[in-house]
């Protein structure tokens, strides 16, 4: 009922998943900073997630965690499981999972992935996901996961159709308030769930990403920003203070920098007064 990718890049871990199943993000993905990531699906055994992370945290490798969990499960032949850790990656597909079902995995010392799916239009779904993952090593974790998921969706995905998708990724000190969560996004019921998830990630990057292209607040640009802030009721003597005040209300505080104005914040400011 699902296709997913579980992955690692350095010390970042994440899962992206889509399915013709409501709120797939409430069932399939799990990850823990410094430990690993898991996807449990098909006739999902939800406890696999916590149990796999506990085994990884205790020093087990990904393949060992998969083998130990499935060997104790009488219904393993109806399940799928993908696990990635610093020690490697593994994917499991039970013999009784609905066609097409299967998975691939691979990696090196710097990164790894496990891709799996069931009730798919064919093997090409997981192969296209693998191709997309390997094709863009330059991308950061969250957009790279989304690109792989989108490739699977474009290859046909779940043969029953589309309904939900989710992304969950972690890394040390990442995310809002440095909580360790890179992204935690869900689309629970949508006819184009993977596309909607990509849109949400773009918004997430806008609000919670760090400053990228920083433009000095001087000359004509400083005059422009000051005028926009006045229009928005932020007429204060200190330009940086006025900008910080507006940005905090508009939820752009993660992109603020004392060196100038982030280009995406500038775009948002211009749009606010347009």
Protein backbone atom coordinates (compact mmCIF):
# COMPACT_ATOMS: atom_id res chain seq x y z
CA UNK A 1 0.00 0.00 0.00
CA UNK A 2 3.04 2.22 0.20
CA UNK A 3 6.39 3.30 -1.20
CA UNK A 4 9.10 4.84 0.94
CA UNK A 5 12.74 5.80 1.17
CA UNK A 6 14.71 5.65 4.41
CA UNK A 7 18.08 7.42 4.21
CA UNK A 8 21.18 8.81 5.88
CA UNK A 9 23.50 11.64 4.85
CA UNK A 10 26.31 12.01 7.37
CA UNK A 11 24.60 12.38 10.75
CA UNK A 12 21.18 13.26 9.27
CA UNK A 13 18.46 10.60 8.97
CA UNK A 14 15.08 10.73 7.29
CA UNK A 15 12.07 9.00 5.75
CA UNK A 16 9.77 10.03 2.91
CA UNK A 17 6.66 7.98 2.16
CA UNK A 18 3.49 8.06 0.04
CA UNK A 19 0.46 5.79 -0.16
CA UNK A 20 -3.17 5.27 -1.09
CA UNK A 21 -3.85 5.21 2.64
CA UNK A 22 -5.06 7.99 4.89
CA UNK A 23 -2.44 9.71 7.08
CA UNK A 24 0.44 7.42 6.16
CA UNK A 25 2.74 9.67 8.18
CA UNK A 26 1.05 8.51 11.38
CA UNK A 27 2.12 4.90 10.76
CA UNK A 28 5.21 4.44 8.58
CA UNK A 29 8.13 6.83 9.34
CA UNK A 30 10.35 7.12 12.40
CA UNK A 31 13.83 8.49 13.05
CA UNK A 32 16.02 9.40 16.01
CA UNK A 33 18.97 11.77 16.15
CA UNK A 34 22.26 9.90 16.35
CA UNK A 35 20.55 6.51 15.94
CA UNK A 36 18.84 5.90 12.58
CA UNK A 37 15.59 5.84 10.62
CA UNK A 38 12.86 3.27 10.00
CA UNK A 39 9.88 2.68 7.70
CA UNK A 40 7.33 0.00 8.67
CA UNK A 41 4.68 -0.72 6.03
CA UNK A 42 2.53 -3.22 4.09
CA UNK A 43 0.58 -4.77 6.98
CA UNK A 44 2.59 -2.41 9.13
CA UNK A 45 3.68 -3.45 12.60
CA UNK A 46 3.88 -0.06 14.26
CA UNK A 47 6.05 -1.32 17.11
CA UNK A 48 8.79 -2.16 14.59
CA UNK A 49 9.71 1.54 14.58
CA UNK A 50 10.45 1.90 18.29
CA UNK A 51 11.91 -1.60 18.52
CA UNK A 52 14.26 -1.06 15.57
CA UNK A 53 15.47 2.28 16.95
CA UNK A 54 16.05 0.65 20.34
CA UNK A 55 18.13 -2.10 18.76
CA UNK A 56 20.15 0.43 16.75
CA UNK A 57 20.66 2.55 19.84
CA UNK A 58 21.99 -0.51 21.66
CA UNK A 59 24.58 -1.09 18.93
CA UNK A 60 22.88 -3.45 16.48
CA UNK A 61 23.43 -2.91 12.76
CA UNK A 62 20.56 -2.25 10.35
CA UNK A 63 20.58 -5.78 8.90
CA UNK A 64 20.74 -7.30 12.37
CA UNK A 65 17.81 -5.18 13.57
CA UNK A 66 15.69 -6.25 10.59
CA UNK A 67 16.59 -9.92 11.04
CA UNK A 68 15.88 -9.92 14.77
CA UNK A 69 12.52 -8.17 14.46
CA UNK A 70 11.20 -10.20 11.56
CA UNK A 71 12.37 -13.53 12.98
CA UNK A 72 10.14 -13.03 16.01
CA UNK A 73 7.08 -11.98 14.00
CA UNK A 74 4.63 -14.69 12.87
CA UNK A 75 3.13 -12.24 10.34
CA UNK A 76 6.46 -11.13 8.85
CA UNK A 77 5.58 -12.44 5.39
CA UNK A 78 2.86 -9.77 5.15
CA UNK A 79 5.14 -6.90 6.15
CA UNK A 80 7.83 -4.59 4.82
CA UNK A 81 10.57 -2.90 6.80
CA UNK A 82 13.38 -0.51 5.85
CA UNK A 83 16.13 0.47 8.30
CA UNK A 84 19.14 2.77 7.92
CA UNK A 85 21.86 3.44 10.49
CA UNK A 86 25.47 4.59 10.52
CA UNK A 87 26.40 0.91 10.40
CA UNK A 88 24.52 0.20 7.16
CA UNK A 89 21.08 -0.24 5.65
CA UNK A 90 18.61 -3.06 5.03
CA UNK A 91 15.18 -3.67 3.52
CA UNK A 92 12.80 -6.59 4.04
CA UNK A 93 9.76 -7.64 2.00
CA UNK A 94 7.65 -10.60 3.13
CA UNK A 95 6.69 -13.20 0.55
CA UNK A 96 2.97 -12.53 0.95
CA UNK A 97 3.07 -8.75 0.36
CA UNK A 98 0.75 -7.74 -2.50
CA UNK A 99 2.32 -7.36 -5.95
CA UNK A 100 4.32 -5.55 -6.97
CA UNK A 101 6.40 -5.61 -3.81
CA UNK A 102 10.13 -5.37 -3.20
CA UNK A 103 13.00 -3.09 -2.34
CA UNK A 104 16.58 -2.01 -2.93
CA UNK A 105 19.30 -0.65 -0.67
CA UNK A 106 22.84 0.66 -0.88
CA UNK A 107 25.33 3.14 0.48
CA UNK A 108 28.83 3.92 1.62
CA UNK A 109 30.52 5.42 4.68
CA UNK A 110 28.97 8.84 4.02
CA UNK A 111 25.36 7.94 3.20
CA UNK A 112 22.90 5.10 2.70
CA UNK A 113 19.35 4.30 1.64
CA UNK A 114 16.68 1.60 1.80
CA UNK A 115 13.77 1.91 -0.65
CA UNK A 116 10.71 -0.35 -0.52
CA UNK A 117 7.16 -0.54 -1.78
CA UNK A 118 4.12 -2.77 -2.16
CA UNK A 119 0.97 -2.75 -4.30
CA UNK A 120 3.00 -0.74 -6.81
CA UNK A 121 2.54 -0.46 -10.57
CA UNK A 122 5.86 -2.27 -10.89
CA UNK A 123 9.52 -2.51 -9.95
CA UNK A 124 10.22 0.70 -11.85
CA UNK A 125 8.86 2.71 -8.90
CA UNK A 126 11.66 1.73 -6.52
CA UNK A 127 14.28 1.80 -9.30
CA UNK A 128 13.33 5.35 -10.26
CA UNK A 129 13.46 6.38 -6.62
CA UNK A 130 16.94 4.89 -6.33
CA UNK A 131 18.05 6.64 -9.51
CA UNK A 132 16.74 9.99 -8.28
CA UNK A 133 18.43 9.57 -4.89
CA UNK A 134 21.80 8.71 -6.39
CA UNK A 135 21.56 11.41 -9.05
CA UNK A 136 21.57 14.38 -6.63
CA UNK A 137 24.17 13.94 -3.88
CA UNK A 138 24.46 17.74 -3.80
CA UNK A 139 21.03 18.16 -2.21
CA UNK A 140 20.38 18.41 1.51
CA UNK A 141 18.43 15.62 3.22
CA UNK A 142 14.85 16.90 3.05
CA UNK A 143 14.79 18.05 -0.60
CA UNK A 144 16.73 14.95 -1.66
CA UNK A 145 14.13 12.71 0.00
CA UNK A 146 11.32 14.63 -1.67
CA UNK A 147 12.99 14.31 -5.07
CA UNK A 148 13.26 10.53 -4.66
CA UNK A 149 9.64 10.26 -3.52
CA UNK A 150 8.48 12.38 -6.45
CA UNK A 151 10.36 10.10 -8.85
CA UNK A 152 8.47 7.11 -7.48
CA UNK A 153 5.19 8.97 -7.78
CA UNK A 154 5.93 9.94 -11.37
CA UNK A 155 6.79 6.31 -12.15
CA UNK A 156 3.28 5.30 -11.12
CA UNK A 157 3.60 4.77 -7.38
CA UNK A 158 0.82 2.92 -5.60
CA UNK A 159 -1.30 1.27 -8.30
CA UNK A 160 -4.48 2.11 -6.39
CA UNK A 161 -3.85 5.84 -6.59
CA UNK A 162 -2.74 8.70 -4.33
CA UNK A 163 -3.94 9.86 -0.94
CA UNK A 164 -1.26 10.76 1.61
CA UNK A 165 2.45 11.46 1.98
CA UNK A 166 4.87 12.38 4.73
CA UNK A 167 8.42 13.49 5.42
CA UNK A 168 10.29 13.09 8.70
CA UNK A 169 13.98 13.92 9.05
CA UNK A 170 16.35 14.60 11.94
CA UNK A 171 19.90 15.85 12.52
CA UNK A 172 21.81 17.12 15.57
CA UNK A 173 20.85 20.71 16.55
CA UNK A 174 18.75 21.12 13.38
CA UNK A 175 15.35 22.73 13.00
CA UNK A 176 13.35 25.21 15.02
CA UNK A 177 14.95 25.95 18.41
CA UNK A 178 17.69 23.45 17.43
CA UNK A 179 15.38 20.62 18.53
CA UNK A 180 16.93 18.11 16.12
CA UNK A 181 13.96 17.82 13.76
CA UNK A 182 14.89 18.90 10.24
CA UNK A 183 11.34 18.44 8.93
CA UNK A 184 8.12 16.87 10.15
CA UNK A 185 5.51 17.31 7.44
CA UNK A 186 2.35 15.38 6.59
CA UNK A 187 -0.33 15.46 3.92
CA UNK A 188 -3.07 13.22 5.27
CA UNK A 189 -5.65 13.24 2.46
CA UNK A 190 -4.99 14.88 -0.91
CA UNK A 191 -5.37 13.77 -4.55
CA UNK A 192 -1.82 14.96 -5.32
CA UNK A 193 -0.26 14.23 -1.94
CA UNK A 194 3.39 14.08 -3.05
CA UNK A 195 3.14 17.40 -4.89
CA UNK A 196 1.47 18.95 -1.86
CA UNK A 197 4.22 17.60 0.38
CA UNK A 198 6.82 19.24 -1.86
CA UNK A 199 4.92 22.55 -1.56
CA UNK A 200 4.89 22.27 2.22
CA UNK A 201 8.62 21.57 2.27
CA UNK A 202 9.24 24.73 0.26
CA UNK A 203 7.27 26.72 2.85
CA UNK A 204 9.10 24.93 5.64
CA UNK A 205 12.44 25.88 4.11
CA UNK A 206 11.25 29.48 3.78
CA UNK A 207 10.19 29.83 7.41
CA UNK A 208 12.71 27.59 9.16
CA UNK A 209 15.72 27.65 6.84
CA UNK A 210 18.73 29.79 7.65
CA UNK A 211 19.68 32.91 5.71
CA UNK A 212 21.07 32.12 2.25
CA UNK A 213 21.82 35.09 -0.03
CA UNK A 214 22.31 38.04 2.34
CA UNK A 215 22.09 41.54 0.85
CA UNK A 216 23.72 44.47 2.73
CA UNK A 217 21.15 46.89 4.13
CA UNK A 218 22.63 50.06 2.69
CA UNK A 219 21.97 52.66 0.03
CA UNK A 220 18.89 52.24 -2.15
CA UNK A 221 18.04 48.84 -0.67
CA UNK A 222 18.01 50.24 2.86
CA UNK A 223 15.72 53.06 1.68
CA UNK A 224 13.38 50.56 0.04
CA UNK A 225 13.20 48.31 3.10
CA UNK A 226 12.62 51.30 5.38
CA UNK A 227 9.73 52.50 3.20
CA UNK A 228 8.13 49.04 3.09
CA UNK A 229 8.35 48.78 6.87
CA UNK A 230 6.75 52.22 7.26
CA UNK A 231 3.90 51.07 5.02
CA UNK A 232 3.46 48.09 7.33
CA UNK A 233 3.43 50.31 10.43
CA UNK A 234 7.04 49.67 11.48
CA UNK A 235 8.31 53.24 11.43
CA UNK A 236 11.22 52.99 13.87
CA UNK A 237 14.56 54.88 13.90
CA UNK A 238 16.64 51.70 13.93
CA UNK A 239 16.13 49.89 10.59
CA UNK A 240 17.43 46.53 11.84
CA UNK A 241 15.17 46.67 14.88
CA UNK A 242 12.16 47.51 12.72
CA UNK A 243 12.97 44.67 10.34
CA UNK A 244 13.44 42.19 13.21
CA UNK A 245 10.12 43.32 14.68
CA UNK A 246 8.26 42.69 11.41
CA UNK A 247 10.11 39.41 10.71
CA UNK A 248 9.23 38.00 14.12
CA UNK A 249 5.55 38.63 13.50
CA UNK A 250 5.79 37.15 9.98
CA UNK A 251 7.61 34.02 11.25
CA UNK A 252 10.91 34.72 9.48
CA UNK A 253 13.04 34.90 12.64
CA UNK A 254 15.15 31.88 11.61
CA UNK A 255 16.32 33.78 8.50
CA UNK A 256 17.34 36.97 10.24
CA UNK A 257 20.99 38.04 10.28
CA UNK A 258 22.81 41.16 11.51
CA UNK A 259 24.70 41.30 8.21
CA UNK A 260 21.76 42.47 6.10
CA UNK A 261 18.53 40.99 4.74
CA UNK A 262 18.05 37.49 3.35
CA UNK A 263 16.86 37.56 -0.25
CA UNK A 264 13.80 35.42 0.50
CA UNK A 265 12.83 37.69 3.41
CA UNK A 266 13.14 40.64 1.03
CA UNK A 267 10.82 38.91 -1.44
CA UNK A 268 8.29 38.30 1.33
CA UNK A 269 8.51 41.92 2.49
CA UNK A 270 7.90 43.18 -1.03
CA UNK A 271 4.94 40.82 -1.39
CA UNK A 272 3.48 42.03 1.92
CA UNK A 273 3.18 45.58 0.60
CA UNK A 274 2.35 44.74 -3.02
